[in-house]
Every structure is written in structure tokens, then in C-alpha cells.
PDB file of all heavy atoms in Angstrom:
ATOM      1  N   GLN A   1      37.338 -67.849  17.519  1.00  0.00           N
ATOM      2  CA  GLN A   1      38.085 -67.416  18.694  1.00  0.00           C
ATOM      3  C   GLN A   1      38.439 -65.940  18.591  1.00  0.00           C
ATOM      4  O   GLN A   1      38.432 -65.225  19.568  1.00  0.00           O
ATOM      5  CB  GLN A   1      39.370 -68.230  18.834  1.00  0.00           C
ATOM      6  CG  GLN A   1      39.134 -69.633  19.308  1.00  0.00           C
ATOM      7  CD  GLN A   1      40.430 -70.410  19.377  1.00  0.00           C
ATOM      8  OE1 GLN A   1      41.244 -70.349  18.479  1.00  0.00           O
ATOM      9  NE2 GLN A   1      40.599 -71.149  20.438  1.00  0.00           N
ATOM     10  N   GLU A   2      38.800 -65.521  17.409  1.00  0.00           N
ATOM     11  CA  GLU A   2      39.057 -64.117  17.169  1.00  0.00           C
ATOM     12  C   GLU A   2      37.747 -63.527  16.695  1.00  0.00           C
ATOM     13  O   GLU A   2      36.991 -64.158  15.968  1.00  0.00           O
ATOM     14  CB  GLU A   2      40.168 -63.962  16.133  1.00  0.00           C
ATOM     15  CG  GLU A   2      41.477 -64.533  16.653  1.00  0.00           C
ATOM     16  CD  GLU A   2      42.477 -64.832  15.555  1.00  0.00           C
ATOM     17  OE1 GLU A   2      42.209 -64.522  14.389  1.00  0.00           O
ATOM     18  OE2 GLU A   2      43.514 -65.395  15.887  1.00  0.00           O
ATOM     19  N   TYR A   3      37.476 -62.320  17.068  1.00  0.00           N
ATOM     20  CA  TYR A   3      36.137 -61.782  16.883  1.00  0.00           C
ATOM     21  C   TYR A   3      35.724 -61.677  15.429  1.00  0.00           C
ATOM     22  O   TYR A   3      34.588 -61.921  15.080  1.00  0.00           O
ATOM     23  CB  TYR A   3      36.007 -60.433  17.593  1.00  0.00           C
ATOM     24  CG  TYR A   3      36.450 -60.506  19.017  1.00  0.00           C
ATOM     25  CD1 TYR A   3      37.487 -59.729  19.482  1.00  0.00           C
ATOM     26  CD2 TYR A   3      35.857 -61.406  19.889  1.00  0.00           C
ATOM     27  CE1 TYR A   3      37.903 -59.815  20.796  1.00  0.00           C
ATOM     28  CE2 TYR A   3      36.275 -61.502  21.194  1.00  0.00           C
ATOM     29  CZ  TYR A   3      37.299 -60.704  21.652  1.00  0.00           C
ATOM     30  OH  TYR A   3      37.715 -60.788  22.935  1.00  0.00           O
ATOM     31  N   ASN A   4      36.655 -61.329  14.540  1.00  0.00           N
ATOM     32  CA  ASN A   4      36.349 -61.229  13.116  1.00  0.00           C
ATOM     33  C   ASN A   4      35.120 -60.370  12.830  1.00  0.00           C
ATOM     34  O   ASN A   4      34.348 -60.664  11.932  1.00  0.00           O
ATOM     35  CB  ASN A   4      36.175 -62.613  12.487  1.00  0.00           C
ATOM     36  CG  ASN A   4      37.470 -63.369  12.444  1.00  0.00           C
ATOM     37  OD1 ASN A   4      38.535 -62.779  12.348  1.00  0.00           O
ATOM     38  ND2 ASN A   4      37.403 -64.676  12.529  1.00  0.00           N
ATOM     39  N   LEU A   5      34.936 -59.325  13.602  1.00  0.00           N
ATOM     40  CA  LEU A   5      33.851 -58.390  13.331  1.00  0.00           C
ATOM     41  C   LEU A   5      34.321 -57.392  12.281  1.00  0.00           C
ATOM     42  O   LEU A   5      35.510 -57.076  12.186  1.00  0.00           O
ATOM     43  CB  LEU A   5      33.448 -57.642  14.607  1.00  0.00           C
ATOM     44  CG  LEU A   5      32.878 -58.504  15.725  1.00  0.00           C
ATOM     45  CD1 LEU A   5      32.673 -57.659  16.973  1.00  0.00           C
ATOM     46  CD2 LEU A   5      31.590 -59.166  15.298  1.00  0.00           C
ATOM     47  N   PHE A   6      33.401 -56.921  11.496  1.00  0.00           N
ATOM     48  CA  PHE A   6      33.728 -55.900  10.522  1.00  0.00           C
ATOM     49  C   PHE A   6      33.824 -54.568  11.264  1.00  0.00           C
ATOM     50  O   PHE A   6      32.840 -54.101  11.843  1.00  0.00           O
ATOM     51  CB  PHE A   6      32.671 -55.837   9.424  1.00  0.00           C
ATOM     52  CG  PHE A   6      32.608 -57.098   8.607  1.00  0.00           C
ATOM     53  CD1 PHE A   6      31.575 -58.005   8.802  1.00  0.00           C
ATOM     54  CD2 PHE A   6      33.587 -57.367   7.659  1.00  0.00           C
ATOM     55  CE1 PHE A   6      31.515 -59.172   8.045  1.00  0.00           C
ATOM     56  CE2 PHE A   6      33.534 -58.533   6.909  1.00  0.00           C
ATOM     57  CZ  PHE A   6      32.499 -59.441   7.097  1.00  0.00           C
ATOM     58  N   ALA A   7      35.000 -53.959  11.236  1.00  0.00           N
ATOM     59  CA  ALA A   7      35.249 -52.735  11.998  1.00  0.00           C
ATOM     60  C   ALA A   7      34.389 -51.568  11.516  1.00  0.00           C
ATOM     61  O   ALA A   7      34.089 -50.666  12.285  1.00  0.00           O
ATOM     62  CB  ALA A   7      36.726 -52.363  11.913  1.00  0.00           C
ATOM     63  N   ASN A   8      33.980 -51.608  10.242  1.00  0.00           N
ATOM     64  CA  ASN A   8      33.201 -50.504   9.681  1.00  0.00           C
ATOM     65  C   ASN A   8      31.695 -50.727   9.816  1.00  0.00           C
ATOM     66  O   ASN A   8      30.910 -49.991   9.235  1.00  0.00           O
ATOM     67  CB  ASN A   8      33.553 -50.313   8.206  1.00  0.00           C
ATOM     68  CG  ASN A   8      33.211 -51.535   7.366  1.00  0.00           C
ATOM     69  OD1 ASN A   8      33.224 -52.649   7.863  1.00  0.00           O
ATOM     70  ND2 ASN A   8      32.930 -51.327   6.104  1.00  0.00           N
ATOM     71  N   MET A   9      31.297 -51.745  10.587  1.00  0.00           N
ATOM     72  CA  MET A   9      29.874 -52.054  10.776  1.00  0.00           C
ATOM     73  C   MET A   9      29.537 -52.032  12.253  1.00  0.00           C
ATOM     74  O   MET A   9      30.347 -52.431  13.091  1.00  0.00           O
ATOM     75  CB  MET A   9      29.550 -53.438  10.200  1.00  0.00           C
ATOM     76  CG  MET A   9      29.773 -53.540   8.691  1.00  0.00           C
ATOM     77  SD  MET A   9      29.697 -55.242   8.114  1.00  0.00           S
ATOM     78  CE  MET A   9      27.945 -55.452   7.935  1.00  0.00           C
ATOM     79  N   THR A  10      28.338 -51.593  12.571  1.00  0.00           N
ATOM     80  CA  THR A  10      27.867 -51.590  13.962  1.00  0.00           C
ATOM     81  C   THR A  10      27.617 -53.028  14.428  1.00  0.00           C
ATOM     82  O   THR A  10      27.618 -53.968  13.623  1.00  0.00           O
ATOM     83  CB  THR A  10      26.554 -50.806  14.092  1.00  0.00           C
ATOM     84  OG1 THR A  10      25.539 -51.500  13.353  1.00  0.00           O
ATOM     85  CG2 THR A  10      26.704 -49.373  13.606  1.00  0.00           C
ATOM     86  N   ALA A  11      27.379 -53.181  15.717  1.00  0.00           N
ATOM     87  CA  ALA A  11      27.062 -54.506  16.259  1.00  0.00           C
ATOM     88  C   ALA A  11      25.849 -55.093  15.545  1.00  0.00           C
ATOM     89  O   ALA A  11      25.855 -56.262  15.142  1.00  0.00           O
ATOM     90  CB  ALA A  11      26.803 -54.405  17.766  1.00  0.00           C
ATOM     91  N   LEU A  12      24.824 -54.274  15.358  1.00  0.00           N
ATOM     92  CA  LEU A  12      23.623 -54.740  14.674  1.00  0.00           C
ATOM     93  C   LEU A  12      23.942 -55.178  13.244  1.00  0.00           C
ATOM     94  O   LEU A  12      23.502 -56.223  12.783  1.00  0.00           O
ATOM     95  CB  LEU A  12      22.543 -53.657  14.676  1.00  0.00           C
ATOM     96  CG  LEU A  12      21.227 -54.038  14.006  1.00  0.00           C
ATOM     97  CD1 LEU A  12      20.548 -55.198  14.747  1.00  0.00           C
ATOM     98  CD2 LEU A  12      20.297 -52.837  13.950  1.00  0.00           C
ATOM     99  N   GLU A  13      24.722 -54.383  12.537  1.00  0.00           N
ATOM    100  CA  GLU A  13      25.071 -54.715  11.154  1.00  0.00           C
ATOM    101  C   GLU A  13      25.924 -55.988  11.086  1.00  0.00           C
ATOM    102  O   GLU A  13      25.760 -56.803  10.177  1.00  0.00           O
ATOM    103  CB  GLU A  13      25.807 -53.550  10.494  1.00  0.00           C
ATOM    104  CG  GLU A  13      24.920 -52.344  10.259  1.00  0.00           C
ATOM    105  CD  GLU A  13      25.696 -51.077   9.908  1.00  0.00           C
ATOM    106  OE1 GLU A  13      26.883 -50.939  10.313  1.00  0.00           O
ATOM    107  OE2 GLU A  13      25.098 -50.216   9.231  1.00  0.00           O
ATOM    108  N   ASN A  14      26.828 -56.178  12.052  1.00  0.00           N
ATOM    109  CA  ASN A  14      27.635 -57.387  12.079  1.00  0.00           C
ATOM    110  C   ASN A  14      26.773 -58.630  12.256  1.00  0.00           C
ATOM    111  O   ASN A  14      26.984 -59.638  11.586  1.00  0.00           O
ATOM    112  CB  ASN A  14      28.693 -57.303  13.190  1.00  0.00           C
ATOM    113  CG  ASN A  14      30.006 -56.757  12.707  1.00  0.00           C
ATOM    114  OD1 ASN A  14      30.757 -57.443  12.019  1.00  0.00           O
ATOM    115  ND2 ASN A  14      30.288 -55.504  13.057  1.00  0.00           N
ATOM    116  N   VAL A  15      25.798 -58.561  13.137  1.00  0.00           N
ATOM    117  CA  VAL A  15      24.914 -59.707  13.362  1.00  0.00           C
ATOM    118  C   VAL A  15      23.990 -59.910  12.162  1.00  0.00           C
ATOM    119  O   VAL A  15      23.744 -61.038  11.736  1.00  0.00           O
ATOM    120  CB  VAL A  15      24.098 -59.530  14.668  1.00  0.00           C
ATOM    121  CG1 VAL A  15      23.127 -60.684  14.862  1.00  0.00           C
ATOM    122  CG2 VAL A  15      25.035 -59.422  15.874  1.00  0.00           C
ATOM    123  N   THR A  16      23.507 -58.833  11.597  1.00  0.00           N
ATOM    124  CA  THR A  16      22.591 -58.906  10.458  1.00  0.00           C
ATOM    125  C   THR A  16      23.254 -59.498   9.216  1.00  0.00           C
ATOM    126  O   THR A  16      22.636 -60.267   8.475  1.00  0.00           O
ATOM    127  CB  THR A  16      22.039 -57.496  10.135  1.00  0.00           C
ATOM    128  OG1 THR A  16      21.375 -56.995  11.297  1.00  0.00           O
ATOM    129  CG2 THR A  16      21.060 -57.523   8.984  1.00  0.00           C
ATOM    130  N   SER A  17      24.505 -59.158   8.978  1.00  0.00           N
ATOM    131  CA  SER A  17      25.168 -59.543   7.723  1.00  0.00           C
ATOM    132  C   SER A  17      25.186 -61.062   7.513  1.00  0.00           C
ATOM    133  O   SER A  17      24.975 -61.522   6.393  1.00  0.00           O
ATOM    134  CB  SER A  17      26.579 -58.973   7.652  1.00  0.00           C
ATOM    135  OG  SER A  17      27.405 -59.546   8.640  1.00  0.00           O
ATOM    136  N   GLY A  18      25.423 -61.840   8.548  1.00  0.00           N
ATOM    137  CA  GLY A  18      25.423 -63.296   8.404  1.00  0.00           C
ATOM    138  C   GLY A  18      24.074 -63.839   8.000  1.00  0.00           C
ATOM    139  O   GLY A  18      23.974 -64.769   7.190  1.00  0.00           O
ATOM    140  N   LEU A  19      23.032 -63.262   8.549  1.00  0.00           N
ATOM    141  CA  LEU A  19      21.677 -63.702   8.197  1.00  0.00           C
ATOM    142  C   LEU A  19      21.348 -63.399   6.745  1.00  0.00           C
ATOM    143  O   LEU A  19      20.753 -64.210   6.041  1.00  0.00           O
ATOM    144  CB  LEU A  19      20.651 -63.026   9.115  1.00  0.00           C
ATOM    145  CG  LEU A  19      20.736 -63.391  10.591  1.00  0.00           C
ATOM    146  CD1 LEU A  19      19.881 -62.432  11.423  1.00  0.00           C
ATOM    147  CD2 LEU A  19      20.308 -64.821  10.810  1.00  0.00           C
ATOM    148  N   VAL A  20      21.756 -62.222   6.283  1.00  0.00           N
ATOM    149  CA  VAL A  20      21.464 -61.810   4.911  1.00  0.00           C
ATOM    150  C   VAL A  20      22.310 -62.599   3.910  1.00  0.00           C
ATOM    151  O   VAL A  20      21.796 -63.134   2.931  1.00  0.00           O
ATOM    152  CB  VAL A  20      21.687 -60.283   4.738  1.00  0.00           C
ATOM    153  CG1 VAL A  20      21.590 -59.871   3.276  1.00  0.00           C
ATOM    154  CG2 VAL A  20      20.691 -59.502   5.583  1.00  0.00           C
ATOM    155  N   ILE A  21      23.601 -62.700   4.182  1.00  0.00           N
ATOM    156  CA  ILE A  21      24.516 -63.333   3.232  1.00  0.00           C
ATOM    157  C   ILE A  21      24.388 -64.854   3.239  1.00  0.00           C
ATOM    158  O   ILE A  21      24.231 -65.473   2.191  1.00  0.00           O
ATOM    159  CB  ILE A  21      25.972 -62.910   3.518  1.00  0.00           C
ATOM    160  CG1 ILE A  21      26.116 -61.408   3.270  1.00  0.00           C
ATOM    161  CG2 ILE A  21      26.955 -63.696   2.660  1.00  0.00           C
ATOM    162  CD1 ILE A  21      27.391 -60.805   3.819  1.00  0.00           C
ATOM    163  N   SER A  22      24.460 -65.471   4.410  1.00  0.00           N
ATOM    164  CA  SER A  22      24.468 -66.936   4.484  1.00  0.00           C
ATOM    165  C   SER A  22      23.083 -67.564   4.474  1.00  0.00           C
ATOM    166  O   SER A  22      22.874 -68.587   3.836  1.00  0.00           O
ATOM    167  CB  SER A  22      25.188 -67.397   5.752  1.00  0.00           C
ATOM    168  OG  SER A  22      26.523 -66.997   5.715  1.00  0.00           O
ATOM    169  N   ARG A  23      22.176 -66.962   5.193  1.00  0.00           N
ATOM    170  CA  ARG A  23      20.849 -67.565   5.338  1.00  0.00           C
ATOM    171  C   ARG A  23      19.822 -66.995   4.370  1.00  0.00           C
ATOM    172  O   ARG A  23      18.675 -67.411   4.348  1.00  0.00           O
ATOM    173  CB  ARG A  23      20.355 -67.398   6.773  1.00  0.00           C
ATOM    174  CG  ARG A  23      21.294 -67.976   7.822  1.00  0.00           C
ATOM    175  CD  ARG A  23      20.946 -69.395   8.149  1.00  0.00           C
ATOM    176  NE  ARG A  23      21.946 -70.039   8.968  1.00  0.00           N
ATOM    177  CZ  ARG A  23      21.794 -70.375  10.230  1.00  0.00           C
ATOM    178  NH1 ARG A  23      20.663 -70.112  10.838  1.00  0.00           N
ATOM    179  NH2 ARG A  23      22.751 -70.971  10.882  1.00  0.00           N
ATOM    180  N   LYS A  24      20.214 -65.961   3.611  1.00  0.00           N
ATOM    181  CA  LYS A  24      19.355 -65.338   2.599  1.00  0.00           C
ATOM    182  C   LYS A  24      18.068 -64.750   3.179  1.00  0.00           C
ATOM    183  O   LYS A  24      17.023 -64.749   2.554  1.00  0.00           O
ATOM    184  CB  LYS A  24      19.005 -66.326   1.477  1.00  0.00           C
ATOM    185  CG  LYS A  24      20.194 -67.014   0.846  1.00  0.00           C
ATOM    186  CD  LYS A  24      21.072 -66.039   0.118  1.00  0.00           C
ATOM    187  CE  LYS A  24      22.204 -66.780  -0.588  1.00  0.00           C
ATOM    188  NZ  LYS A  24      23.446 -66.069  -0.594  1.00  0.00           N
ATOM    189  N   VAL A  25      18.153 -64.225   4.416  1.00  0.00           N
ATOM    190  CA  VAL A  25      17.015 -63.571   5.058  1.00  0.00           C
ATOM    191  C   VAL A  25      16.961 -62.141   4.522  1.00  0.00           C
ATOM    192  O   VAL A  25      18.001 -61.491   4.373  1.00  0.00           O
ATOM    193  CB  VAL A  25      17.190 -63.573   6.596  1.00  0.00           C
ATOM    194  CG1 VAL A  25      16.077 -62.817   7.287  1.00  0.00           C
ATOM    195  CG2 VAL A  25      17.292 -65.006   7.114  1.00  0.00           C
ATOM    196  N   ASN A  26      15.759 -61.623   4.231  1.00  0.00           N
ATOM    197  CA  ASN A  26      15.689 -60.240   3.732  1.00  0.00           C
ATOM    198  C   ASN A  26      16.170 -59.286   4.832  1.00  0.00           C
ATOM    199  O   ASN A  26      16.096 -59.587   6.015  1.00  0.00           O
ATOM    200  CB  ASN A  26      14.288 -59.890   3.203  1.00  0.00           C
ATOM    201  CG  ASN A  26      13.271 -59.672   4.291  1.00  0.00           C
ATOM    202  OD1 ASN A  26      13.455 -58.822   5.167  1.00  0.00           O
ATOM    203  ND2 ASN A  26      12.193 -60.427   4.254  1.00  0.00           N
ATOM    204  N   LYS A  27      16.655 -58.127   4.408  1.00  0.00           N
ATOM    205  CA  LYS A  27      17.337 -57.204   5.322  1.00  0.00           C
ATOM    206  C   LYS A  27      16.473 -56.762   6.495  1.00  0.00           C
ATOM    207  O   LYS A  27      16.938 -56.689   7.629  1.00  0.00           O
ATOM    208  CB  LYS A  27      17.863 -55.997   4.561  1.00  0.00           C
ATOM    209  CG  LYS A  27      19.065 -56.323   3.706  1.00  0.00           C
ATOM    210  CD  LYS A  27      19.602 -55.093   3.007  1.00  0.00           C
ATOM    211  CE  LYS A  27      20.781 -55.470   2.125  1.00  0.00           C
ATOM    212  NZ  LYS A  27      21.367 -54.329   1.453  1.00  0.00           N
ATOM    213  N   ALA A  28      15.209 -56.473   6.254  1.00  0.00           N
ATOM    214  CA  ALA A  28      14.330 -56.001   7.330  1.00  0.00           C
ATOM    215  C   ALA A  28      14.116 -57.100   8.374  1.00  0.00           C
ATOM    216  O   ALA A  28      14.203 -56.848   9.581  1.00  0.00           O
ATOM    217  CB  ALA A  28      12.989 -55.547   6.758  1.00  0.00           C
ATOM    218  N   GLU A  29      13.852 -58.307   7.920  1.00  0.00           N
ATOM    219  CA  GLU A  29      13.658 -59.434   8.848  1.00  0.00           C
ATOM    220  C   GLU A  29      14.958 -59.753   9.571  1.00  0.00           C
ATOM    221  O   GLU A  29      14.959 -60.027  10.771  1.00  0.00           O
ATOM    222  CB  GLU A  29      13.141 -60.666   8.099  1.00  0.00           C
ATOM    223  CG  GLU A  29      12.920 -61.881   8.973  1.00  0.00           C
ATOM    224  CD  GLU A  29      11.813 -61.733  10.012  1.00  0.00           C
ATOM    225  OE1 GLU A  29      10.989 -60.802   9.909  1.00  0.00           O
ATOM    226  OE2 GLU A  29      11.769 -62.568  10.952  1.00  0.00           O
ATOM    227  N   ALA A  30      16.085 -59.690   8.859  1.00  0.00           N
ATOM    228  CA  ALA A  30      17.386 -59.961   9.469  1.00  0.00           C
ATOM    229  C   ALA A  30      17.689 -58.940  10.569  1.00  0.00           C
ATOM    230  O   ALA A  30      18.175 -59.302  11.644  1.00  0.00           O
ATOM    231  CB  ALA A  30      18.479 -59.958   8.404  1.00  0.00           C
ATOM    232  N   ALA A  31      17.389 -57.669  10.315  1.00  0.00           N
ATOM    233  CA  ALA A  31      17.622 -56.636  11.323  1.00  0.00           C
ATOM    234  C   ALA A  31      16.773 -56.877  12.564  1.00  0.00           C
ATOM    235  O   ALA A  31      17.232 -56.701  13.696  1.00  0.00           O
ATOM    236  CB  ALA A  31      17.345 -55.257  10.733  1.00  0.00           C
ATOM    237  N   LYS A  32      15.533 -57.311  12.353  1.00  0.00           N
ATOM    238  CA  LYS A  32      14.633 -57.609  13.481  1.00  0.00           C
ATOM    239  C   LYS A  32      15.188 -58.785  14.297  1.00  0.00           C
ATOM    240  O   LYS A  32      15.270 -58.724  15.529  1.00  0.00           O
ATOM    241  CB  LYS A  32      13.242 -57.939  12.945  1.00  0.00           C
ATOM    242  CG  LYS A  32      12.235 -58.309  14.012  1.00  0.00           C
ATOM    243  CD  LYS A  32      10.866 -58.613  13.388  1.00  0.00           C
ATOM    244  CE  LYS A  32       9.918 -59.089  14.442  1.00  0.00           C
ATOM    245  NZ  LYS A  32       9.484 -60.444  14.286  1.00  0.00           N
ATOM    246  N   LEU A  33      15.588 -59.861  13.611  1.00  0.00           N
ATOM    247  CA  LEU A  33      16.139 -61.037  14.296  1.00  0.00           C
ATOM    248  C   LEU A  33      17.450 -60.703  15.009  1.00  0.00           C
ATOM    249  O   LEU A  33      17.690 -61.143  16.135  1.00  0.00           O
ATOM    250  CB  LEU A  33      16.363 -62.172  13.299  1.00  0.00           C
ATOM    251  CG  LEU A  33      15.121 -62.797  12.684  1.00  0.00           C
ATOM    252  CD1 LEU A  33      15.499 -63.736  11.533  1.00  0.00           C
ATOM    253  CD2 LEU A  33      14.313 -63.545  13.743  1.00  0.00           C
ATOM    254  N   ALA A  34      18.282 -59.897  14.352  1.00  0.00           N
ATOM    255  CA  ALA A  34      19.559 -59.512  14.942  1.00  0.00           C
ATOM    256  C   ALA A  34      19.343 -58.680  16.203  1.00  0.00           C
ATOM    257  O   ALA A  34      20.025 -58.881  17.214  1.00  0.00           O
ATOM    258  CB  ALA A  34      20.395 -58.744  13.921  1.00  0.00           C
TER     259      ALA A  34
END
């Protein structure tokens, strides 16, 4: 309900981080998916 976005990260980085950390997607593929 609360956005819980990382203030020091861009929109792309916020979306990418979950893929990299939780789903273990490599950074380049995560950035593309994000």
C-alpha cells in the first residue's frame, strides 16, 4: 500500500532490484525485463 520505493534509485533501478535480488535474474536481463 505504501510505495516502499528506494529514494536513491531510479524507477528502472527500483523495478530491476526485485528481479535481481529475489528472482536471481542477471542484471542485464533484469534491466531489459524492467
